PDB file of N, CA and C in Angstrom:
ATOM      1  N   MET A   1      48.410  29.808   1.092  1.00  0.00           N
ATOM      2  CA  MET A   1      48.062  28.410   1.250  1.00  0.00           C
ATOM      3  C   MET A   1      46.554  28.304   1.020  1.00  0.00           C
ATOM      4  N   ARG A   2      46.177  27.368   0.182  1.00  0.00           N
ATOM      5  CA  ARG A   2      44.751  27.182  -0.080  1.00  0.00           C
ATOM      6  C   ARG A   2      44.360  25.737   0.190  1.00  0.00           C
ATOM      7  N   ILE A   3      43.170  25.574   0.733  1.00  0.00           N
ATOM      8  CA  ILE A   3      42.688  24.228   1.026  1.00  0.00           C
ATOM      9  C   ILE A   3      42.175  23.608  -0.271  1.00  0.00           C
ATOM     10  N   LEU A   4      42.607  22.369  -0.519  1.00  0.00           N
ATOM     11  CA  LEU A   4      42.216  21.665  -1.729  1.00  0.00           C
ATOM     12  C   LEU A   4      41.160  20.605  -1.462  1.00  0.00           C
ATOM     13  N   ALA A   5      41.240  19.979  -0.286  1.00  0.00           N
ATOM     14  CA  ALA A   5      40.292  18.901   0.009  1.00  0.00           C
ATOM     15  C   ALA A   5      40.343  18.566   1.490  1.00  0.00           C
ATOM     16  N   GLU A   6      39.294  17.890   1.925  1.00  0.00           N
ATOM     17  CA  GLU A   6      39.256  17.312   3.272  1.00  0.00           C
ATOM     18  C   GLU A   6      38.847  15.859   3.120  1.00  0.00           C
ATOM     19  N   LEU A   7      39.440  15.030   3.929  1.00  0.00           N
ATOM     20  CA  LEU A   7      39.162  13.597   3.896  1.00  0.00           C
ATOM     21  C   LEU A   7      38.483  13.221   5.202  1.00  0.00           C
ATOM     22  N   PRO A   8      37.241  12.747   5.139  1.00  0.00           N
ATOM     23  CA  PRO A   8      36.558  12.387   6.387  1.00  0.00           C
ATOM     24  C   PRO A   8      37.240  11.211   7.085  1.00  0.00           C
ATOM     25  N   ASN A   9      37.360  11.331   8.394  1.00  0.00           N
ATOM     26  CA  ASN A   9      37.925  10.255   9.199  1.00  0.00           C
ATOM     27  C   ASN A   9      37.403  10.423  10.622  1.00  0.00           C
ATOM     28  N   PRO A  10      36.981   9.333  11.274  1.00  0.00           N
ATOM     29  CA  PRO A  10      36.427   9.453  12.625  1.00  0.00           C
ATOM     30  C   PRO A  10      37.474   9.770  13.701  1.00  0.00           C
ATOM     31  N   ASN A  11      38.762   9.520  13.418  1.00  0.00           N
ATOM     32  CA  ASN A  11      39.801   9.688  14.436  1.00  0.00           C
ATOM     33  C   ASN A  11      40.506  11.031  14.404  1.00  0.00           C
ATOM     34  N   CYS A  12      40.450  11.713  13.268  1.00  0.00           N
ATOM     35  CA  CYS A  12      41.131  12.994  13.158  1.00  0.00           C
ATOM     36  C   CYS A  12      40.634  13.732  11.918  1.00  0.00           C
ATOM     37  N   LYS A  13      40.870  15.016  11.920  1.00  0.00           N
ATOM     38  CA  LYS A  13      40.522  15.827  10.757  1.00  0.00           C
ATOM     39  C   LYS A  13      41.706  15.791   9.796  1.00  0.00           C
ATOM     40  N   ILE A  14      41.439  15.533   8.521  1.00  0.00           N
ATOM     41  CA  ILE A  14      42.496  15.469   7.518  1.00  0.00           C
ATOM     42  C   ILE A  14      42.203  16.525   6.456  1.00  0.00           C
ATOM     43  N   SER A  15      43.153  17.433   6.268  1.00  0.00           N
ATOM     44  CA  SER A  15      43.015  18.496   5.274  1.00  0.00           C
ATOM     45  C   SER A  15      44.223  18.470   4.351  1.00  0.00           C
ATOM     46  N   ILE A  16      43.976  18.768   3.086  1.00  0.00           N
ATOM     47  CA  ILE A  16      45.050  18.834   2.105  1.00  0.00           C
ATOM     48  C   ILE A  16      45.100  20.262   1.573  1.00  0.00           C
ATOM     49  N   PHE A  17      46.275  20.854   1.662  1.00  0.00           N
ATOM     50  CA  PHE A  17      46.495  22.220   1.215  1.00  0.00           C
ATOM     51  C   PHE A  17      47.481  22.231   0.059  1.00  0.00           C
ATOM     52  N   GLY A  18      47.456  23.274  -0.716  1.00  0.00           N
ATOM     53  CA  GLY A  18      48.447  23.486  -1.756  1.00  0.00           C
ATOM     54  C   GLY A  18      49.168  24.793  -1.516  1.00  0.00           C
ATOM     55  N   MET A  19      50.514  24.758  -1.635  1.00  0.00           N
ATOM     56  CA  MET A  19      51.302  25.969  -1.452  1.00  0.00           C
ATOM     57  C   MET A  19      52.691  25.763  -2.042  1.00  0.00           C
ATOM     58  N   ASN A  20      53.121  26.682  -2.897  1.00  0.00           N
ATOM     59  CA  ASN A  20      54.480  26.670  -3.460  1.00  0.00           C
ATOM     60  C   ASN A  20      54.867  25.327  -4.065  1.00  0.00           C
ATOM     61  N   GLN A  21      54.041  24.809  -4.927  1.00  0.00           N
ATOM     62  CA  GLN A  21      54.254  23.527  -5.611  1.00  0.00           C
ATOM     63  C   GLN A  21      54.418  22.355  -4.646  1.00  0.00           C
ATOM     64  N   LYS A  22      53.796  22.470  -3.486  1.00  0.00           N
ATOM     65  CA  LYS A  22      53.807  21.372  -2.512  1.00  0.00           C
ATOM     66  C   LYS A  22      52.390  21.113  -2.034  1.00  0.00           C
ATOM     67  N   TYR A  23      52.158  19.863  -1.696  1.00  0.00           N
ATOM     68  CA  TYR A  23      50.940  19.502  -0.980  1.00  0.00           C
ATOM     69  C   TYR A  23      51.294  19.438   0.493  1.00  0.00           C
ATOM     70  N   ILE A  24      50.441  19.975   1.320  1.00  0.00           N
ATOM     71  CA  ILE A  24      50.609  19.872   2.764  1.00  0.00           C
ATOM     72  C   ILE A  24      49.416  19.082   3.276  1.00  0.00           C
ATOM     73  N   ILE A  25      49.718  17.952   3.903  1.00  0.00           N
ATOM     74  CA  ILE A  25      48.673  17.083   4.446  1.00  0.00           C
ATOM     75  C   ILE A  25      48.672  17.313   5.950  1.00  0.00           C
ATOM     76  N   LYS A  26      47.568  17.844   6.457  1.00  0.00           N
ATOM     77  CA  LYS A  26      47.496  18.190   7.875  1.00  0.00           C
ATOM     78  C   LYS A  26      46.461  17.320   8.575  1.00  0.00           C
ATOM     79  N   PHE A  27      46.893  16.721   9.667  1.00  0.00           N
ATOM     80  CA  PHE A  27      46.035  15.899  10.526  1.00  0.00           C
ATOM     81  C   PHE A  27      45.853  16.655  11.831  1.00  0.00           C
ATOM     82  N   GLU A  28      44.622  16.731  12.307  1.00  0.00           N
ATOM     83  CA  GLU A  28      44.335  17.423  13.567  1.00  0.00           C
ATOM     84  C   GLU A  28      43.497  16.521  14.467  1.00  0.00           C
ATOM     85  N   GLN A  29      43.868  16.524  15.741  1.00  0.00           N
ATOM     86  CA  GLN A  29      43.110  15.787  16.745  1.00  0.00           C
ATOM     87  C   GLN A  29      43.158  16.621  18.019  1.00  0.00           C
ATOM     88  N   GLY A  30      42.035  17.249  18.355  1.00  0.00           N
ATOM     89  CA  GLY A  30      42.011  18.123  19.529  1.00  0.00           C
ATOM     90  C   GLY A  30      42.971  19.275  19.347  1.00  0.00           C
ATOM     91  N   ASN A  31      43.865  19.465  20.316  1.00  0.00           N
ATOM     92  CA  ASN A  31      44.817  20.572  20.239  1.00  0.00           C
ATOM     93  C   ASN A  31      46.152  20.156  19.623  1.00  0.00           C
ATOM     94  N   LEU A  32      46.210  18.977  19.028  1.00  0.00           N
ATOM     95  CA  LEU A  32      47.434  18.487  18.399  1.00  0.00           C
ATOM     96  C   LEU A  32      47.290  18.467  16.897  1.00  0.00           C
ATOM     97  N   GLU A  33      48.409  18.623  16.202  1.00  0.00           N
ATOM     98  CA  GLU A  33      48.380  18.485  14.753  1.00  0.00           C
ATOM     99  C   GLU A  33      49.709  17.943  14.245  1.00  0.00           C
ATOM    100  N   GLN A  34      49.626  17.256  13.126  1.00  0.00           N
ATOM    101  CA  GLN A  34      50.790  16.744  12.414  1.00  0.00           C
ATOM    102  C   GLN A  34      50.641  17.184  10.965  1.00  0.00           C
ATOM    103  N   SER A  35      51.747  17.537  10.339  1.00  0.00           N
ATOM    104  CA  SER A  35      51.668  17.892   8.929  1.00  0.00           C
ATOM    105  C   SER A  35      52.822  17.259   8.171  1.00  0.00           C
ATOM    106  N   TYR A  36      52.537  16.952   6.932  1.00  0.00           N
ATOM    107  CA  TYR A  36      53.488  16.311   6.038  1.00  0.00           C
ATOM    108  C   TYR A  36      53.482  17.082   4.728  1.00  0.00           C
ATOM    109  N   LYS A  37      54.663  17.355   4.182  1.00  0.00           N
ATOM    110  CA  LYS A  37      54.769  18.092   2.929  1.00  0.00           C
ATOM    111  C   LYS A  37      55.350  17.166   1.858  1.00  0.00           C
ATOM    112  N   ILE A  38      54.805  17.292   0.661  1.00  0.00           N
ATOM    113  CA  ILE A  38      55.296  16.498  -0.456  1.00  0.00           C
ATOM    114  C   ILE A  38      55.192  17.332  -1.725  1.00  0.00           C
ATOM    115  N   ALA A  39      56.200  17.265  -2.559  1.00  0.00           N
ATOM    116  CA  ALA A  39      56.213  18.047  -3.794  1.00  0.00           C
ATOM    117  C   ALA A  39      55.102  17.579  -4.729  1.00  0.00           C
ATOM    118  N   GLU A  40      54.443  18.534  -5.372  1.00  0.00           N
ATOM    119  CA  GLU A  40      53.389  18.190  -6.326  1.00  0.00           C
ATOM    120  C   GLU A  40      53.929  17.295  -7.431  1.00  0.00           C
ATOM    121  N   ALA A  41      55.179  17.498  -7.815  1.00  0.00           N
ATOM    122  CA  ALA A  41      55.788  16.702  -8.886  1.00  0.00           C
ATOM    123  C   ALA A  41      55.953  15.234  -8.506  1.00  0.00           C
ATOM    124  N   ASP A  42      55.953  14.936  -7.213  1.00  0.00           N
ATOM    125  CA  ASP A  42      56.126  13.554  -6.742  1.00  0.00           C
ATOM    126  C   ASP A  42      54.821  12.782  -6.675  1.00  0.00           C
ATOM    127  N   ILE A  43      53.707  13.438  -6.959  1.00  0.00           N
ATOM    128  CA  ILE A  43      52.395  12.801  -6.852  1.00  0.00           C
ATOM    129  C   ILE A  43      51.742  12.741  -8.228  1.00  0.00           C
ATOM    130  N   VAL A  44      51.361  11.552  -8.636  1.00  0.00           N
ATOM    131  CA  VAL A  44      50.624  11.370  -9.881  1.00  0.00           C
ATOM    132  C   VAL A  44      49.134  11.553  -9.575  1.00  0.00           C
ATOM    133  N   ASN A  45      48.388  12.130 -10.458  1.00  0.00           N
ATOM    134  CA  ASN A  45      46.931  12.333 -10.342  1.00  0.00           C
ATOM    135  C   ASN A  45      46.528  13.419  -9.353  1.00  0.00           C
ATOM    136  N   GLY A  46      47.407  14.341  -9.026  1.00  0.00           N
ATOM    137  CA  GLY A  46      47.044  15.469  -8.179  1.00  0.00           C
ATOM    138  C   GLY A  46      46.521  15.058  -6.818  1.00  0.00           C
ATOM    139  N   VAL A  47      45.464  15.732  -6.391  1.00  0.00           N
ATOM    140  CA  VAL A  47      44.909  15.482  -5.054  1.00  0.00           C
ATOM    141  C   VAL A  47      44.428  14.036  -4.943  1.00  0.00           C
ATOM    142  N   ASN A  48      43.910  13.470  -6.007  1.00  0.00           N
ATOM    143  CA  ASN A  48      43.489  12.061  -5.964  1.00  0.00           C
ATOM    144  C   ASN A  48      44.663  11.144  -5.652  1.00  0.00           C
ATOM    145  N   GLY A  49      45.850  11.511  -6.111  1.00  0.00           N
ATOM    146  CA  GLY A  49      47.044  10.744  -5.774  1.00  0.00           C
ATOM    147  C   GLY A  49      47.348  10.794  -4.286  1.00  0.00           C
ATOM    148  N   ILE A  50      47.071  11.931  -3.664  1.00  0.00           N
ATOM    149  CA  ILE A  50      47.241  12.042  -2.204  1.00  0.00           C
ATOM    150  C   ILE A  50      46.276  11.093  -1.499  1.00  0.00           C
ATOM    151  N   PHE A  51      45.020  11.079  -1.964  1.00  0.00           N
ATOM    152  CA  PHE A  51      44.042  10.172  -1.356  1.00  0.00           C
ATOM    153  C   PHE A  51      44.518   8.722  -1.441  1.00  0.00           C
ATOM    154  N   GLU A  52      45.186   8.365  -2.515  1.00  0.00           N
ATOM    155  CA  GLU A  52      45.663   6.988  -2.692  1.00  0.00           C
ATOM    156  C   GLU A  52      46.748   6.625  -1.694  1.00  0.00           C
ATOM    157  N   ILE A  53      47.640   7.557  -1.377  1.00  0.00           N
ATOM    158  CA  ILE A  53      48.727   7.202  -0.454  1.00  0.00           C
ATOM    159  C   ILE A  53      48.307   7.269   1.013  1.00  0.00           C
ATOM    160  N   LEU A  54      47.192   7.932   1.300  1.00  0.00           N
ATOM    161  CA  LEU A  54      46.714   7.999   2.685  1.00  0.00           C
ATOM    162  C   LEU A  54      45.891   6.756   2.997  1.00  0.00           C
ATOM    163  N   ASP A  55      46.558   5.641   3.060  1.00  0.00           N
ATOM    164  CA  ASP A  55      45.859   4.379   3.308  1.00  0.00           C
ATOM    165  C   ASP A  55      45.616   4.176   4.807  1.00  0.00           C
ATOM    166  N   GLU A  56      44.880   3.146   5.125  1.00  0.00           N
ATOM    167  CA  GLU A  56      44.502   2.867   6.515  1.00  0.00           C
ATOM    168  C   GLU A  56      45.719   2.662   7.410  1.00  0.00           C
ATOM    169  N   GLU A  57      46.735   1.988   6.899  1.00  0.00           N
ATOM    170  CA  GLU A  57      47.938   1.735   7.696  1.00  0.00           C
ATOM    171  C   GLU A  57      48.621   3.054   8.085  1.00  0.00           C
ATOM    172  N   PHE A  58      48.742   3.974   7.133  1.00  0.00           N
ATOM    173  CA  PHE A  58      49.382   5.250   7.437  1.00  0.00           C
ATOM    174  C   PHE A  58      48.547   6.068   8.427  1.00  0.00           C
ATOM    175  N   ILE A  59      47.245   6.121   8.200  1.00  0.00           N
ATOM    176  CA  ILE A  59      46.380   6.891   9.106  1.00  0.00           C
ATOM    177  C   ILE A  59      46.425   6.305  10.514  1.00  0.00           C
ATOM    178  N   ASN A  60      46.478   4.984  10.643  1.00  0.00           N
ATOM    179  CA  ASN A  60      46.617   4.357  11.963  1.00  0.00           C
ATOM    180  C   ASN A  60      47.920   4.783  12.629  1.00  0.00           C
ATOM    181  N   ARG A  61      48.985   4.896  11.852  1.00  0.00           N
ATOM    182  CA  ARG A  61      50.275   5.342  12.398  1.00  0.00           C
ATOM    183  C   ARG A  61      50.173   6.785  12.883  1.00  0.00           C
ATOM    184  N   VAL A  62      49.489   7.611  12.133  1.00  0.00           N
ATOM    185  CA  VAL A  62      49.293   9.008  12.535  1.00  0.00           C
ATOM    186  C   VAL A  62      48.533   9.074  13.860  1.00  0.00           C
ATOM    187  N   VAL A  63      47.486   8.266  13.991  1.00  0.00           N
ATOM    188  CA  VAL A  63      46.698   8.241  15.234  1.00  0.00           C
ATOM    189  C   VAL A  63      47.569   7.771  16.399  1.00  0.00           C
ATOM    190  N   GLN A  64      48.431   6.784  16.172  1.00  0.00           N
ATOM    191  CA  GLN A  64      49.353   6.336  17.220  1.00  0.00           C
ATOM    192  C   GLN A  64      50.308   7.468  17.606  1.00  0.00           C
ATOM    193  N   ASN A  65      50.770   8.223  16.608  1.00  0.00           N
ATOM    194  CA  ASN A  65      51.643   9.367  16.896  1.00  0.00           C
ATOM    195  C   ASN A  65      50.929  10.389  17.774  1.00  0.00           C
ATOM    196  N   PHE A  66      49.635  10.603  17.516  1.00  0.00           N
ATOM    197  CA  PHE A  66      48.866  11.519  18.361  1.00  0.00           C
ATOM    198  C   PHE A  66      48.853  11.025  19.805  1.00  0.00           C
ATOM    199  N   ASP A  67      48.678   9.730  20.004  1.00  0.00           N
ATOM    200  CA  ASP A  67      48.689   9.176  21.366  1.00  0.00           C
ATOM    201  C   ASP A  67      50.025   9.440  22.054  1.00  0.00           C
ATOM    202  N   LEU A  68      51.132   9.236  21.315  1.00  0.00           N
ATOM    203  CA  LEU A  68      52.464   9.490  21.874  1.00  0.00           C
ATOM    204  C   LEU A  68      52.674  10.977  22.158  1.00  0.00           C
ATOM    205  N   MET A  69      52.225  11.812  21.245  1.00  0.00           N
ATOM    206  CA  MET A  69      52.355  13.252  21.443  1.00  0.00           C
ATOM    207  C   MET A  69      51.594  13.694  22.690  1.00  0.00           C
ATOM    208  N   ARG A  70      50.373  13.206  22.814  1.00  0.00           N
ATOM    209  CA  ARG A  70      49.531  13.596  23.954  1.00  0.00           C
ATOM    210  C   ARG A  70      50.148  13.144  25.269  1.00  0.00           C
ATOM    211  N   SER A  71      50.598  11.894  25.337  1.00  0.00           N
ATOM    212  CA  SER A  71      51.172  11.399  26.600  1.00  0.00           C
ATOM    213  C   SER A  71      52.473  12.129  26.922  1.00  0.00           C
ATOM    214  N   GLY A  72      53.282  12.407  25.912  1.00  0.00           N
ATOM    215  CA  GLY A  72      54.522  13.151  26.141  1.00  0.00           C
ATOM    216  C   GLY A  72      54.252  14.551  26.661  1.00  0.00           C
ATOM    217  N   PHE A  73      53.269  15.220  26.086  1.00  0.00           N
ATOM    218  CA  PHE A  73      52.939  16.564  26.540  1.00  0.00           C
ATOM    219  C   PHE A  73      52.353  16.535  27.950  1.00  0.00           C
ATOM    220  N   ASN A  74      51.471  15.563  28.208  1.00  0.00           N
ATOM    221  CA  ASN A  74      50.869  15.468  29.548  1.00  0.00           C
ATOM    222  C   ASN A  74      51.927  15.224  30.610  1.00  0.00           C
ATOM    223  N   GLU A  75      52.905  14.368  30.320  1.00  0.00           N
ATOM    224  CA  GLU A  75      53.987  14.110  31.279  1.00  0.00           C
ATOM    225  C   GLU A  75      54.796  15.380  31.532  1.00  0.00           C
ATOM    226  N   THR A  76      55.101  16.107  30.488  1.00  0.00           N
ATOM    227  CA  THR A  76      55.850  17.351  30.623  1.00  0.00           C
ATOM    228  C   THR A  76      55.057  18.378  31.416  1.00  0.00           C
ATOM    229  N   TYR A  77      53.773  18.482  31.123  1.00  0.00           N
ATOM    230  CA  TYR A  77      52.906  19.442  31.802  1.00  0.00           C
ATOM    231  C   TYR A  77      52.846  19.127  33.297  1.00  0.00           C
ATOM    232  N   LYS A  78      52.735  17.844  33.647  1.00  0.00           N
ATOM    233  CA  LYS A  78      52.670  17.447  35.060  1.00  0.00           C
ATOM    234  C   LYS A  78      53.969  17.771  35.779  1.00  0.00           C
ATOM    235  N   ARG A  79      55.105  17.648  35.114  1.00  0.00           N
ATOM    236  CA  ARG A  79      56.380  17.990  35.747  1.00  0.00           C
ATOM    237  C   ARG A  79      56.483  19.491  36.016  1.00  0.00           C
ATOM    238  N   TYR A  80      55.886  20.262  35.146  1.00  0.00           N
ATOM    239  CA  TYR A  80      55.949  21.708  35.299  1.00  0.00           C
ATOM    240  C   TYR A  80      55.044  22.180  36.419  1.00  0.00           C
ATOM    241  N   TYR A  81      53.864  21.563  36.528  1.00  0.00           N
ATOM    242  CA  TYR A  81      52.922  21.967  37.559  1.00  0.00           C
ATOM    243  C   TYR A  81      52.965  20.966  38.646  1.00  0.00           C
TER     244      TYR A  81
END
């Protein structure tokens, strides 16, 4: 897996990797991460095509998912301890 690009964002780290004819888009926020895989053949313009589909609406949804992930994990952790 090789890193192809990083997209600056104040809410999370966004990295784009290439592996086995797929793009892997990884979002990181603290100790949480989300990743999405898409075939290179499905994207026009290579990595620039990835930048085009990562619009503000999608990134906002990813950030909301991080909030849900964090609260779900915190609730589980509190039940355990």
